[in-house]
Amino acid sequence: MQNEERFAVLIGHAALAVWGDMTRDTQEALFETAMKHHDDADREAFARLLHARHPRTLHPPKPVA
């Protein structure tokens, strides 16, 4: 399990580094997976961190189908 935790941290750092290059769908999938068991305060803090690091992630709203 120690290796799993170490690699989880590494992949997390990698995801943060390329976040702005990911598609919106990929960003949303990763964000929702990461925040699955967290409260609204954590979700807000994480979203703020991502937007501060990658202003390009401020996407317009998705079109209504």
C-alpha atoms as a PDB file:
ATOM      1  CA  MET A   1       0.000   0.000   0.000  1.00  0.00           C
ATOM      2  CA  GLN A   2       2.905   2.335   0.616  1.00  0.00           C
ATOM      3  CA  ASN A   3       3.850   2.244  -3.077  1.00  0.00           C
ATOM      4  CA  GLU A   4       0.222   2.860  -4.061  1.00  0.00           C
ATOM      5  CA  GLU A   5       0.098   6.011  -1.927  1.00  0.00           C
ATOM      6  CA  ARG A   6       3.440   7.217  -3.287  1.00  0.00           C
ATOM      7  CA  PHE A   7       2.323   6.726  -6.875  1.00  0.00           C
ATOM      8  CA  ALA A   8      -1.052   8.332  -6.161  1.00  0.00           C
ATOM      9  CA  VAL A   9       0.794  11.460  -5.045  1.00  0.00           C
ATOM     10  CA  LEU A  10       2.965  11.358  -8.178  1.00  0.00           C
ATOM     11  CA  ILE A  11      -0.012  11.018 -10.519  1.00  0.00           C
ATOM     12  CA  GLY A  12      -1.750  13.802  -8.621  1.00  0.00           C
ATOM     13  CA  HIS A  13       1.199  16.128  -9.174  1.00  0.00           C
ATOM     14  CA  ALA A  14       1.272  15.160 -12.840  1.00  0.00           C
ATOM     15  CA  ALA A  15      -2.456  15.856 -13.219  1.00  0.00           C
ATOM     16  CA  LEU A  16      -2.046  19.283 -11.600  1.00  0.00           C
ATOM     17  CA  ALA A  17       0.817  20.075 -13.962  1.00  0.00           C
ATOM     18  CA  VAL A  18      -1.202  19.350 -17.113  1.00  0.00           C
ATOM     19  CA  TRP A  19      -4.667  20.314 -15.856  1.00  0.00           C
ATOM     20  CA  GLY A  20      -4.996  23.272 -18.240  1.00  0.00           C
ATOM     21  CA  ASP A  21      -4.226  21.039 -21.229  1.00  0.00           C
ATOM     22  CA  MET A  22      -6.975  18.516 -20.401  1.00  0.00           C
ATOM     23  CA  THR A  23     -10.402  18.590 -21.977  1.00  0.00           C
ATOM     24  CA  ARG A  24     -13.224  19.913 -19.841  1.00  0.00           C
ATOM     25  CA  ASP A  25     -14.765  16.428 -19.649  1.00  0.00           C
ATOM     26  CA  THR A  26     -11.485  14.955 -18.397  1.00  0.00           C
ATOM     27  CA  GLN A  27     -11.100  17.751 -15.837  1.00  0.00           C
ATOM     28  CA  GLU A  28     -14.642  17.216 -14.582  1.00  0.00           C
ATOM     29  CA  ALA A  29     -14.213  13.435 -14.375  1.00  0.00           C
ATOM     30  CA  LEU A  30     -10.977  13.730 -12.391  1.00  0.00           C
ATOM     31  CA  PHE A  31     -12.381  16.443 -10.133  1.00  0.00           C
ATOM     32  CA  GLU A  32     -15.555  14.484  -9.361  1.00  0.00           C
ATOM     33  CA  THR A  33     -13.591  11.290  -8.735  1.00  0.00           C
ATOM     34  CA  ALA A  34     -11.167  13.083  -6.426  1.00  0.00           C
ATOM     35  CA  MET A  35     -13.976  14.809  -4.525  1.00  0.00           C
ATOM     36  CA  LYS A  36     -16.340  11.821  -4.322  1.00  0.00           C
ATOM     37  CA  HIS A  37     -16.100  11.524  -0.527  1.00  0.00           C
ATOM     38  CA  HIS A  38     -15.330  15.129   0.394  1.00  0.00           C
ATOM     39  CA  ASP A  39     -17.489  17.946   1.672  1.00  0.00           C
ATOM     40  CA  ASP A  40     -18.424  21.199  -0.042  1.00  0.00           C
ATOM     41  CA  ALA A  41     -15.612  23.131   1.672  1.00  0.00           C
ATOM     42  CA  ASP A  42     -12.992  20.762   0.234  1.00  0.00           C
ATOM     43  CA  ARG A  43     -14.607  20.902  -3.214  1.00  0.00           C
ATOM     44  CA  GLU A  44     -14.561  24.716  -3.133  1.00  0.00           C
ATOM     45  CA  ALA A  45     -10.945  24.852  -1.930  1.00  0.00           C
ATOM     46  CA  PHE A  46      -9.815  22.398  -4.602  1.00  0.00           C
ATOM     47  CA  ALA A  47     -11.684  24.243  -7.359  1.00  0.00           C
ATOM     48  CA  ARG A  48     -10.113  27.546  -6.264  1.00  0.00           C
ATOM     49  CA  LEU A  49      -6.635  25.991  -6.306  1.00  0.00           C
ATOM     50  CA  LEU A  50      -7.176  24.624  -9.819  1.00  0.00           C
ATOM     51  CA  HIS A  51      -8.516  27.922 -11.164  1.00  0.00           C
ATOM     52  CA  ALA A  52      -5.680  29.873  -9.530  1.00  0.00           C
ATOM     53  CA  ARG A  53      -3.069  27.603 -11.113  1.00  0.00           C
ATOM     54  CA  HIS A  54      -4.778  27.312 -14.498  1.00  0.00           C
ATOM     55  CA  PRO A  55      -6.954  30.317 -15.368  1.00  0.00           C
ATOM     56  CA  ARG A  56      -7.716  28.753 -18.764  1.00  0.00           C
ATOM     57  CA  THR A  57      -9.936  26.219 -16.972  1.00  0.00           C
ATOM     58  CA  LEU A  58     -12.570  28.949 -16.565  1.00  0.00           C
ATOM     59  CA  HIS A  59     -14.703  27.397 -19.298  1.00  0.00           C
ATOM     60  CA  PRO A  60     -17.966  28.862 -20.521  1.00  0.00           C
ATOM     61  CA  PRO A  61     -21.050  26.896 -19.480  1.00  0.00           C
ATOM     62  CA  LYS A  62     -21.757  23.694 -21.385  1.00  0.00           C
ATOM     63  CA  PRO A  63     -24.362  24.147 -24.125  1.00  0.00           C
ATOM     64  CA  VAL A  64     -27.823  22.869 -23.251  1.00  0.00           C
ATOM     65  CA  ALA A  65     -28.716  19.844 -25.340  1.00  0.00           C
END
